[in-house]
N, C-alpha and C. Protein backbone atom coordinates (compact mmCIF):
# COMPACT_ATOMS: atom_id res chain seq x y z
N MET A 1 -5.92 13.24 11.41
CA MET A 1 -6.25 13.17 9.83
C MET A 1 -5.34 11.92 9.85
N PRO A 2 -5.44 10.83 9.41
CA PRO A 2 -5.34 9.71 9.09
C PRO A 2 -4.40 9.17 8.65
N LEU A 3 -3.98 8.20 8.78
CA LEU A 3 -2.74 7.92 7.49
C LEU A 3 -2.44 6.48 7.67
N PHE A 4 -1.93 6.71 6.08
CA PHE A 4 -1.68 5.60 5.12
C PHE A 4 -0.71 4.58 5.42
N LEU A 5 0.10 3.80 5.82
CA LEU A 5 1.50 3.74 5.82
C LEU A 5 2.09 5.39 5.95
N GLY A 6 1.97 5.03 7.02
CA GLY A 6 2.48 6.52 7.56
C GLY A 6 2.56 7.63 7.04
N MET A 7 1.33 7.16 5.90
CA MET A 7 2.00 9.47 5.14
C MET A 7 -0.09 9.68 5.77
N PRO A 8 -0.15 10.71 5.34
CA PRO A 8 -1.51 11.22 5.83
C PRO A 8 -1.46 11.53 5.04
N VAL A 9 -3.19 10.91 5.04
CA VAL A 9 -4.41 11.13 4.16
C VAL A 9 -5.26 12.05 3.79
N GLY A 10 -6.35 12.51 2.91
CA GLY A 10 -6.80 13.32 3.41
C GLY A 10 -8.47 13.65 3.22
N ARG A 11 -8.37 12.14 1.67
CA ARG A 11 -9.74 12.19 1.25
C ARG A 11 -10.89 12.22 1.45
N THR A 12 -12.31 12.28 1.52
CA THR A 12 -13.21 11.68 2.68
C THR A 12 -13.41 10.32 1.88
N MET A 13 -13.41 9.32 2.49
CA MET A 13 -13.85 7.81 2.71
C MET A 13 -15.00 7.36 2.11
N SER A 14 -15.55 6.25 0.68
CA SER A 14 -17.22 6.18 0.94
C SER A 14 -16.86 5.98 1.60
N ALA A 15 -16.52 4.90 1.72
CA ALA A 15 -16.35 3.34 2.06
C ALA A 15 -17.15 3.05 3.35
N PRO A 16 -17.59 1.91 3.63
CA PRO A 16 -16.72 1.42 5.96
C PRO A 16 -15.75 1.13 5.86
N PRO A 17 -15.34 1.36 7.18
CA PRO A 17 -13.81 1.42 7.78
C PRO A 17 -13.23 0.36 7.10
N ALA A 18 -13.60 -0.65 7.96
CA ALA A 18 -12.86 -2.09 8.30
C ALA A 18 -13.91 -3.02 6.13
N SER A 19 -12.82 -2.32 5.71
CA SER A 19 -13.62 -2.72 3.82
C SER A 19 -12.30 -2.78 3.21
N ALA A 20 -12.52 -4.01 2.25
CA ALA A 20 -11.28 -3.71 1.23
C ALA A 20 -11.52 -2.64 0.52
N ALA A 21 -12.87 -1.98 0.36
CA ALA A 21 -13.63 -0.85 -0.53
C ALA A 21 -12.20 -0.01 0.30
N ARG A 22 -12.57 0.37 1.50
CA ARG A 22 -12.05 1.33 2.04
C ARG A 22 -10.31 1.26 1.98
N VAL A 23 -9.98 0.24 2.76
CA VAL A 23 -8.41 -0.44 1.99
C VAL A 23 -7.40 0.32 0.94
N LEU A 24 -7.77 -0.07 -0.05
CA LEU A 24 -8.75 0.48 -2.19
C LEU A 24 -8.60 2.36 -2.10
N GLU A 25 -9.08 2.45 -1.70
CA GLU A 25 -9.78 3.74 -1.37
C GLU A 25 -8.30 3.98 -1.21
N GLU A 26 -8.23 4.48 0.30
CA GLU A 26 -6.88 4.73 0.81
C GLU A 26 -5.77 4.54 -0.01
N HIS A 27 -5.40 3.24 -0.88
CA HIS A 27 -4.51 3.31 -0.99
C HIS A 27 -4.77 3.38 -2.90
N HIS A 28 -5.05 4.13 -3.41
CA HIS A 28 -5.14 5.15 -4.63
C HIS A 28 -5.28 6.49 -3.81
N GLN A 29 -4.96 6.63 -2.89
CA GLN A 29 -4.72 8.03 -2.72
C GLN A 29 -3.42 8.15 -2.34
N LEU A 30 -1.92 6.79 -1.79
CA LEU A 30 -0.70 6.42 -1.58
C LEU A 30 -0.17 6.83 -3.46
N LEU A 31 -1.14 6.35 -3.91
CA LEU A 31 -0.85 6.02 -5.54
C LEU A 31 -1.03 7.09 -6.22
N ASP A 32 -2.05 8.46 -5.94
CA ASP A 32 -1.70 9.51 -5.79
C ASP A 32 -0.68 10.41 -5.99
N GLU A 33 -0.67 10.51 -4.33
CA GLU A 33 0.65 10.87 -3.76
C GLU A 33 2.20 10.92 -4.44
N LEU A 34 2.08 9.13 -4.77
CA LEU A 34 3.25 9.18 -5.26
C LEU A 34 3.30 9.29 -7.07
N LEU A 35 2.33 9.72 -7.87
CA LEU A 35 2.47 9.84 -8.52
C LEU A 35 2.90 10.88 -9.12
N ALA A 36 2.37 12.09 -8.44
CA ALA A 36 2.02 13.85 -8.03
C ALA A 36 4.00 13.93 -8.67
N THR A 37 4.16 12.87 -6.98
CA THR A 37 5.97 13.20 -7.24
C THR A 37 6.72 13.37 -7.99
N VAL A 38 6.10 11.81 -8.59
CA VAL A 38 7.28 11.24 -10.57
C VAL A 38 6.76 12.64 -11.35
N ARG A 39 5.97 13.47 -11.29
CA ARG A 39 5.60 14.64 -12.00
C ARG A 39 6.36 15.85 -11.99
N ALA A 40 5.85 16.01 -10.48
CA ALA A 40 7.35 16.67 -9.76
C ALA A 40 8.59 17.32 -10.19
N ALA A 41 9.30 15.64 -9.94
CA ALA A 41 10.58 15.31 -10.28
C ALA A 41 10.53 15.73 -11.74
N SER A 42 9.96 14.86 -12.74
CA SER A 42 10.15 15.20 -14.55
C SER A 42 10.00 16.29 -14.10
N ALA A 43 8.86 17.49 -13.92
CA ALA A 43 8.23 18.77 -14.41
C ALA A 43 10.69 19.28 -14.05
N ASP A 44 11.19 18.98 -13.35
CA ASP A 44 12.42 19.95 -12.66
C ASP A 44 13.39 18.85 -13.09
N LYS A 45 13.67 18.32 -13.76
CA LYS A 45 13.98 17.25 -14.85
C LYS A 45 14.89 16.74 -13.91
N ALA A 46 14.55 15.74 -12.49
CA ALA A 46 15.01 15.72 -11.62
C ALA A 46 14.24 14.22 -12.13
N PHE A 47 16.05 13.45 -13.39
CA PHE A 47 15.22 12.60 -13.60
C PHE A 47 15.47 10.78 -12.51
N ALA A 48 16.46 10.90 -11.68
CA ALA A 48 17.06 9.65 -10.72
C ALA A 48 15.94 9.99 -10.05
N ALA A 49 15.47 10.82 -9.47
CA ALA A 49 14.11 11.06 -8.33
C ALA A 49 13.32 10.38 -9.83
N ALA A 50 12.38 11.18 -10.70
CA ALA A 50 11.54 10.84 -11.47
C ALA A 50 11.08 8.88 -11.73
N ARG A 51 12.25 8.77 -12.05
CA ARG A 51 12.62 7.07 -11.73
C ARG A 51 12.15 5.99 -10.53
N GLY A 52 12.66 7.36 -8.89
CA GLY A 52 12.76 6.01 -8.45
C GLY A 52 11.69 5.62 -7.87
N ALA A 53 11.00 7.75 -7.70
CA ALA A 53 9.15 7.37 -7.30
C ALA A 53 8.49 6.38 -8.42
N LEU A 54 9.18 6.63 -10.05
CA LEU A 54 7.64 5.98 -10.48
C LEU A 54 7.67 4.35 -10.26
N ASP A 55 9.37 3.86 -9.41
CA ASP A 55 9.81 2.48 -9.47
C ASP A 55 8.28 2.24 -8.58
N TRP A 56 8.02 2.81 -7.69
CA TRP A 56 7.67 3.00 -6.33
C TRP A 56 6.32 3.08 -6.14
N PHE A 57 5.86 3.62 -7.42
CA PHE A 57 4.51 3.86 -7.52
C PHE A 57 4.27 2.20 -7.89
N ARG A 58 4.79 2.45 -9.31
CA ARG A 58 4.64 0.79 -9.46
C ARG A 58 4.47 -0.62 -9.26
N VAL A 59 5.93 -1.25 -8.19
CA VAL A 59 5.13 -1.53 -7.11
C VAL A 59 4.41 -1.85 -6.15
N GLU A 60 3.71 -0.53 -5.54
CA GLU A 60 2.36 -0.21 -4.99
C GLU A 60 1.28 -0.14 -5.44
N LEU A 61 0.90 0.11 -7.73
CA LEU A 61 0.13 -0.39 -8.35
C LEU A 61 -0.17 -1.71 -8.64
N ASP A 62 0.90 -2.73 -8.65
CA ASP A 62 0.95 -4.15 -8.55
C ASP A 62 0.37 -4.50 -7.85
N ARG A 63 0.02 -4.03 -6.87
CA ARG A 63 0.02 -4.38 -5.34
C ARG A 63 -1.67 -4.35 -5.19
N HIS A 64 -1.66 -3.40 -5.81
CA HIS A 64 -3.09 -2.75 -6.02
C HIS A 64 -4.58 -3.48 -7.31
N VAL A 65 -3.65 -3.52 -8.18
CA VAL A 65 -3.63 -4.56 -9.40
C VAL A 65 -4.44 -6.03 -8.52
N ARG A 66 -2.35 -6.11 -7.94
CA ARG A 66 -3.40 -7.20 -7.33
C ARG A 66 -4.26 -7.83 -6.75
N VAL A 67 -4.96 -7.08 -5.84
CA VAL A 67 -5.98 -6.99 -4.67
C VAL A 67 -7.13 -7.72 -5.68
N GLU A 68 -7.40 -6.63 -6.35
CA GLU A 68 -8.53 -6.58 -7.38
C GLU A 68 -8.94 -7.32 -8.15
N GLU A 69 -7.22 -7.41 -8.79
CA GLU A 69 -8.01 -9.26 -10.35
C GLU A 69 -7.77 -10.21 -9.55
N GLN A 70 -7.35 -10.51 -8.05
CA GLN A 70 -6.46 -11.76 -7.40
C GLN A 70 -7.75 -12.35 -7.03
N LEU A 71 -8.11 -10.75 -6.04
CA LEU A 71 -9.20 -10.84 -5.53
C LEU A 71 -10.73 -11.21 -5.00
N MET A 72 -10.54 -9.14 -5.66
CA MET A 72 -12.42 -8.97 -5.50
C MET A 72 -12.83 -9.34 -6.57
N PHE A 73 -12.24 -8.72 -7.84
CA PHE A 73 -13.27 -9.08 -9.86
C PHE A 73 -13.01 -10.68 -9.46
N PRO A 74 -12.62 -11.96 -8.95
CA PRO A 74 -13.32 -13.44 -9.18
C PRO A 74 -14.40 -13.40 -7.82
N LEU A 75 -14.58 -12.39 -6.77
CA LEU A 75 -15.54 -13.19 -6.21
C LEU A 75 -16.57 -11.88 -6.65
N PHE A 76 -16.29 -10.49 -6.96
CA PHE A 76 -17.78 -9.26 -7.59
C PHE A 76 -17.76 -11.25 -8.54
N ASP A 77 -17.64 -11.47 -10.29
CA ASP A 77 -18.30 -12.68 -10.52
C ASP A 77 -18.48 -13.16 -10.88
N GLY A 78 -18.24 -14.23 -9.47
CA GLY A 78 -18.64 -15.25 -8.95
C GLY A 78 -20.35 -14.68 -8.34
N VAL A 79 -20.56 -13.91 -7.57
CA VAL A 79 -21.74 -13.30 -7.52
C VAL A 79 -22.90 -13.10 -8.19
N MET A 80 -21.66 -12.40 -9.72
CA MET A 80 -22.67 -11.41 -10.68
C MET A 80 -23.41 -13.53 -11.75
N GLY A 81 -22.56 -13.81 -11.94
CA GLY A 81 -22.06 -15.33 -12.51
C GLY A 81 -22.02 -15.53 -13.51
N ARG A 82 -20.60 -13.92 -14.56
CA ARG A 82 -20.09 -13.04 -15.17
C ARG A 82 -18.60 -12.58 -15.14
N SER A 83 -18.48 -12.40 -15.59
CA SER A 83 -16.18 -12.23 -15.30
C SER A 83 -16.65 -10.76 -16.70
N GLU A 84 -17.83 -10.87 -17.75
CA GLU A 84 -17.81 -9.68 -18.43
C GLU A 84 -18.38 -8.52 -17.83
N GLY A 85 -17.87 -7.52 -18.52
CA GLY A 85 -18.71 -6.25 -17.63
C GLY A 85 -18.10 -5.74 -16.46
N PRO A 86 -17.93 -5.08 -15.33
CA PRO A 86 -17.31 -3.89 -14.48
C PRO A 86 -16.13 -4.49 -14.32
N THR A 87 -16.02 -5.38 -14.12
CA THR A 87 -14.42 -6.38 -14.58
C THR A 87 -13.80 -5.96 -15.74
N GLY A 88 -14.42 -7.25 -16.35
CA GLY A 88 -13.77 -6.89 -17.36
C GLY A 88 -13.58 -5.60 -18.07
N PHE A 89 -14.35 -4.62 -17.79
CA PHE A 89 -13.13 -2.38 -17.84
C PHE A 89 -12.19 -2.47 -16.94
N ARG A 90 -12.82 -2.93 -15.66
CA ARG A 90 -11.82 -2.41 -14.58
C ARG A 90 -10.32 -3.33 -15.05
N CYS A 91 -10.09 -4.44 -15.97
CA CYS A 91 -8.83 -4.82 -15.76
C CYS A 91 -7.58 -4.89 -17.36
N ALA A 92 -8.98 -3.60 -18.03
CA ALA A 92 -8.80 -3.42 -19.70
C ALA A 92 -8.27 -2.09 -19.69
N GLU A 93 -8.98 -1.01 -18.84
CA GLU A 93 -7.97 0.13 -17.47
C GLU A 93 -6.43 -0.28 -17.01
N HIS A 94 -5.84 -1.28 -16.43
CA HIS A 94 -5.30 -1.21 -16.01
C HIS A 94 -3.83 -1.92 -17.12
N ARG A 95 -4.68 -2.35 -17.99
CA ARG A 95 -3.40 -2.94 -19.01
C ARG A 95 -3.72 -1.61 -19.81
N GLN A 96 -4.59 -0.40 -20.33
CA GLN A 96 -4.18 1.10 -20.65
C GLN A 96 -3.08 1.57 -19.60
N ILE A 97 -3.19 1.51 -18.75
CA ILE A 97 -2.63 2.24 -17.13
C ILE A 97 -0.88 1.02 -17.77
N ASN A 98 -1.02 0.79 -17.55
CA ASN A 98 0.22 -0.70 -17.92
C ASN A 98 1.46 0.00 -19.25
N ALA A 99 0.54 0.31 -19.90
CA ALA A 99 0.88 0.61 -21.32
C ALA A 99 1.44 2.12 -21.71
N LEU A 100 0.24 2.59 -20.58
CA LEU A 100 1.41 3.82 -19.86
C LEU A 100 2.66 4.64 -19.09
N LEU A 101 3.10 3.40 -18.27
CA LEU A 101 3.23 3.59 -17.38
C LEU A 101 5.39 2.67 -17.77
N ASP A 102 5.03 1.83 -19.00
CA ASP A 102 6.34 1.54 -20.22
C ASP A 102 6.79 3.02 -20.63
N ARG A 103 4.98 2.98 -21.32
CA ARG A 103 6.29 4.48 -22.30
C ARG A 103 6.58 5.80 -21.74
N ILE A 104 6.57 5.91 -20.16
CA ILE A 104 6.86 7.03 -19.55
C ILE A 104 8.56 6.44 -18.60
N ALA A 105 8.78 5.28 -17.73
CA ALA A 105 8.89 5.29 -17.88
C ALA A 105 10.83 4.66 -18.84
N ALA A 106 10.26 4.65 -19.73
CA ALA A 106 10.84 4.95 -21.51
C ALA A 106 11.78 6.14 -22.01
N SER A 107 10.82 6.97 -21.34
CA SER A 107 11.36 8.86 -21.39
C SER A 107 11.58 8.70 -20.06
N LEU A 108 12.19 8.49 -19.55
CA LEU A 108 12.88 8.91 -18.27
C LEU A 108 13.82 8.33 -18.08
N ALA A 109 14.38 7.18 -18.25
CA ALA A 109 14.95 6.33 -18.39
C ALA A 109 16.15 6.99 -19.25
N GLN A 110 15.71 7.74 -20.31
CA GLN A 110 16.61 8.44 -21.52
C GLN A 110 16.96 10.25 -21.22
N ASP A 111 15.98 10.00 -19.63
CA ASP A 111 16.46 11.37 -19.20
C ASP A 111 15.46 11.94 -20.22
N ARG A 112 14.61 11.70 -20.54
CA ARG A 112 13.04 13.06 -21.15
C ARG A 112 12.82 13.32 -19.97
N ASP A 113 11.92 15.19 -19.99
CA ASP A 113 10.11 15.34 -19.54
C ASP A 113 8.95 14.31 -20.34
N SER A 114 8.19 13.65 -19.18
CA SER A 114 7.09 12.57 -19.84
C SER A 114 6.56 13.34 -19.28
N GLY A 115 6.56 14.69 -19.99
CA GLY A 115 4.69 15.67 -19.34
C GLY A 115 3.57 15.64 -19.46
N GLU A 116 3.67 15.17 -21.34
CA GLU A 116 2.94 14.40 -21.87
C GLU A 116 2.08 13.03 -20.93
N GLU A 117 2.64 12.59 -21.39
CA GLU A 117 2.60 10.37 -21.41
C GLU A 117 1.95 11.22 -19.69
N LEU A 118 2.47 11.26 -17.55
CA LEU A 118 2.31 11.65 -17.36
C LEU A 118 0.93 12.16 -17.20
N ALA A 119 0.91 13.77 -17.92
CA ALA A 119 -0.43 14.26 -17.68
C ALA A 119 -1.59 13.52 -17.98
N GLU A 120 -0.86 12.52 -19.39
CA GLU A 120 -2.37 11.44 -19.84
C GLU A 120 -2.26 10.77 -18.80
N LEU A 121 -1.43 10.15 -18.08
CA LEU A 121 -1.80 8.93 -16.85
C LEU A 121 -2.63 9.34 -16.01
N VAL A 122 -2.40 10.56 -15.39
CA VAL A 122 -3.12 11.77 -14.73
C VAL A 122 -4.80 11.23 -14.78
N ALA A 123 -4.76 12.20 -15.94
CA ALA A 123 -6.27 11.96 -16.04
C ALA A 123 -6.46 10.98 -16.38
N LEU A 124 -6.41 9.34 -16.58
CA LEU A 124 -6.70 8.08 -16.77
C LEU A 124 -7.20 7.21 -15.60
N PHE A 125 -5.98 8.00 -15.21
CA PHE A 125 -6.17 7.29 -13.16
C PHE A 125 -6.98 7.70 -12.15
N GLU A 126 -7.50 8.86 -12.65
CA GLU A 126 -7.81 9.58 -11.52
C GLU A 126 -9.90 9.93 -12.58
N THR A 127 -9.48 9.18 -13.48
CA THR A 127 -10.96 8.38 -14.44
C THR A 127 -11.23 7.10 -13.65
N HIS A 128 -10.44 6.17 -13.80
CA HIS A 128 -10.30 5.11 -13.12
C HIS A 128 -9.97 4.72 -11.62
N ASN A 129 -10.26 5.42 -10.87
CA ASN A 129 -10.32 5.70 -9.89
C ASN A 129 -11.64 5.97 -9.37
N ARG A 130 -12.29 7.03 -9.65
CA ARG A 130 -13.84 7.93 -8.95
C ARG A 130 -14.70 6.72 -9.50
N LYS A 131 -14.38 5.97 -10.96
CA LYS A 131 -15.76 5.24 -11.29
C LYS A 131 -15.42 3.76 -9.76
N GLU A 132 -14.46 3.41 -9.38
CA GLU A 132 -13.47 2.36 -8.92
C GLU A 132 -14.78 3.03 -7.07
N GLU A 133 -13.85 4.35 -7.10
CA GLU A 133 -14.35 4.16 -5.39
C GLU A 133 -15.94 4.27 -6.12
N GLN A 134 -17.03 5.40 -6.54
CA GLN A 134 -18.21 5.84 -6.93
C GLN A 134 -19.04 4.57 -7.01
N MET A 135 -18.54 3.52 -8.08
CA MET A 135 -19.53 3.13 -8.46
C MET A 135 -18.96 1.18 -8.91
N PHE A 136 -18.71 0.54 -8.98
CA PHE A 136 -17.56 -0.43 -8.25
C PHE A 136 -17.70 -0.96 -7.01
N TYR A 137 -16.85 -0.28 -5.91
CA TYR A 137 -15.93 -0.69 -5.44
C TYR A 137 -17.69 -1.01 -4.61
N PRO A 138 -18.31 0.86 -4.36
CA PRO A 138 -19.92 0.27 -3.41
C PRO A 138 -20.63 -0.88 -4.27
N LEU A 139 -20.54 -1.05 -5.18
CA LEU A 139 -22.14 -2.01 -5.89
C LEU A 139 -20.87 -4.18 -5.94
N ILE A 140 -20.21 -3.90 -5.31
CA ILE A 140 -19.57 -4.84 -4.89
C ILE A 140 -20.19 -5.03 -3.40
N HIS A 141 -19.44 -3.73 -2.97
CA HIS A 141 -19.61 -3.43 -1.36
C HIS A 141 -21.44 -4.26 -0.49
N ARG A 142 -22.31 -3.83 -1.90
CA ARG A 142 -23.49 -4.32 -1.84
C ARG A 142 -24.35 -5.85 -2.45
N ARG A 143 -22.75 -6.43 -3.36
CA ARG A 143 -23.14 -7.67 -3.07
C ARG A 143 -22.41 -9.46 -2.82
N LEU A 144 -21.25 -8.25 -1.05
CA LEU A 144 -20.83 -9.70 -0.86
C LEU A 144 -21.46 -9.82 -0.58
N ALA A 145 -21.63 -11.32 0.35
CA ALA A 145 -21.54 -11.74 1.76
C ALA A 145 -21.28 -10.97 3.02
N ASP A 146 -21.47 -10.90 4.04
CA ASP A 146 -20.84 -10.09 5.16
C ASP A 146 -18.80 -11.23 5.55
N SER A 147 -19.57 -12.52 5.38
CA SER A 147 -18.64 -13.74 5.28
C SER A 147 -17.31 -12.96 4.10
N ASP A 148 -17.55 -13.09 2.96
CA ASP A 148 -16.95 -12.76 1.87
C ASP A 148 -16.42 -11.99 1.77
N GLN A 149 -16.50 -10.02 2.79
CA GLN A 149 -15.98 -8.97 2.75
C GLN A 149 -15.78 -8.92 3.72
N ALA A 150 -15.48 -9.68 5.50
CA ALA A 150 -14.12 -9.73 5.70
C ALA A 150 -12.97 -10.74 5.44
N ALA A 151 -13.76 -11.78 5.00
CA ALA A 151 -12.64 -12.31 4.20
C ALA A 151 -11.35 -11.32 3.07
N LEU A 152 -12.29 -10.91 2.74
CA LEU A 152 -11.65 -9.73 0.99
C LEU A 152 -11.16 -8.73 1.75
N PHE A 153 -11.20 -8.33 3.09
CA PHE A 153 -10.37 -6.80 3.73
C PHE A 153 -9.26 -7.79 4.36
N GLU A 154 -9.53 -8.65 4.94
CA GLU A 154 -7.92 -9.27 5.50
C GLU A 154 -7.31 -10.01 4.46
N ASP A 155 -7.79 -10.04 3.27
CA ASP A 155 -7.04 -10.96 2.45
C ASP A 155 -6.24 -9.50 1.84
N ALA A 156 -7.19 -8.47 1.39
CA ALA A 156 -6.87 -7.47 0.93
C ALA A 156 -5.05 -6.89 2.01
N ARG A 157 -5.68 -6.30 2.94
CA ARG A 157 -4.60 -6.13 3.79
C ARG A 157 -3.23 -7.11 3.99
N ARG A 158 -3.78 -8.47 3.53
CA ARG A 158 -2.45 -8.84 3.54
C ARG A 158 -1.89 -8.81 2.61
N LEU A 159 -2.19 -8.74 0.79
CA LEU A 159 -1.49 -8.57 -0.04
C LEU A 159 -0.57 -6.90 -0.06
N LEU A 160 -1.74 -6.04 0.03
CA LEU A 160 -1.44 -4.21 -0.03
C LEU A 160 0.08 -4.82 1.49
N ASP A 161 0.59 -4.68 1.93
CA ASP A 161 1.23 -4.94 3.69
C ASP A 161 2.52 -6.29 3.05
N ALA A 162 2.37 -6.63 1.75
CA ALA A 162 3.99 -7.96 1.83
C ALA A 162 4.44 -7.69 1.67
N PRO A 163 5.84 -7.91 1.97
CA PRO A 163 6.81 -7.50 2.01
C PRO A 163 7.44 -7.27 -0.15
N LEU A 164 8.41 -6.83 -0.17
CA LEU A 164 9.16 -6.41 -1.38
C LEU A 164 9.77 -7.34 -1.46
N ALA A 165 9.45 -7.65 -3.34
CA ALA A 165 9.60 -9.17 -4.29
C ALA A 165 11.01 -8.19 -3.84
N GLY A 166 11.79 -10.43 -3.53
CA GLY A 166 13.00 -10.49 -3.30
C GLY A 166 13.20 -10.19 -0.62
N ASP A 167 12.51 -10.45 -0.77
CA ASP A 167 11.71 -10.31 0.66
C ASP A 167 10.94 -10.84 0.92
N GLY A 168 11.03 -12.17 -0.04
CA GLY A 168 9.56 -13.21 0.29
C GLY A 168 8.23 -12.37 -0.64
N GLY A 169 8.49 -11.53 -0.52
CA GLY A 169 7.47 -11.27 -0.70
C GLY A 169 6.46 -11.81 -1.74
N PRO A 170 5.11 -10.87 -2.54
CA PRO A 170 4.33 -11.99 -3.51
C PRO A 170 4.59 -11.32 -4.85
N LEU A 171 5.74 -10.46 -5.03
CA LEU A 171 4.94 -9.31 -6.43
C LEU A 171 6.61 -9.72 -6.80
N ARG A 172 6.59 -10.24 -8.48
CA ARG A 172 7.48 -10.91 -9.74
C ARG A 172 8.48 -9.13 -9.86
């Protein structure tokens, strides 16, 4: 079984092996696992553990969104000649996800179960990731030149592997 950041991942990948799409698909798996940890801890009323897992999820989500919004989307928009459509929808969903995360964090900060918000987040996150993996990532892979794909792959890996904030990393 392949590993990502030392963690086993098991979904079948649709993207080519050395591509930014593949890196992001694998990162989706890590995010899914972290979100499952938040849900389990919240359901068990282990609120400190849920908060810790949520914090880690948010750090990794921030890395993921940066790769998409700062690297992938501008390339795609340049190739397509517009900044509306697929990238605009992805950015709007990123904002929805972050708004839900704020609500979940507020509930957990008060040691309250956030099961309903977490279920809503999981549904939104799964739909969002499925659209990216089945439609958006393949489309960008077909549209980008090989040199742009290679640069995007390297830049995506660099951002996802960067040290955390406070360690000189790129995160706010």
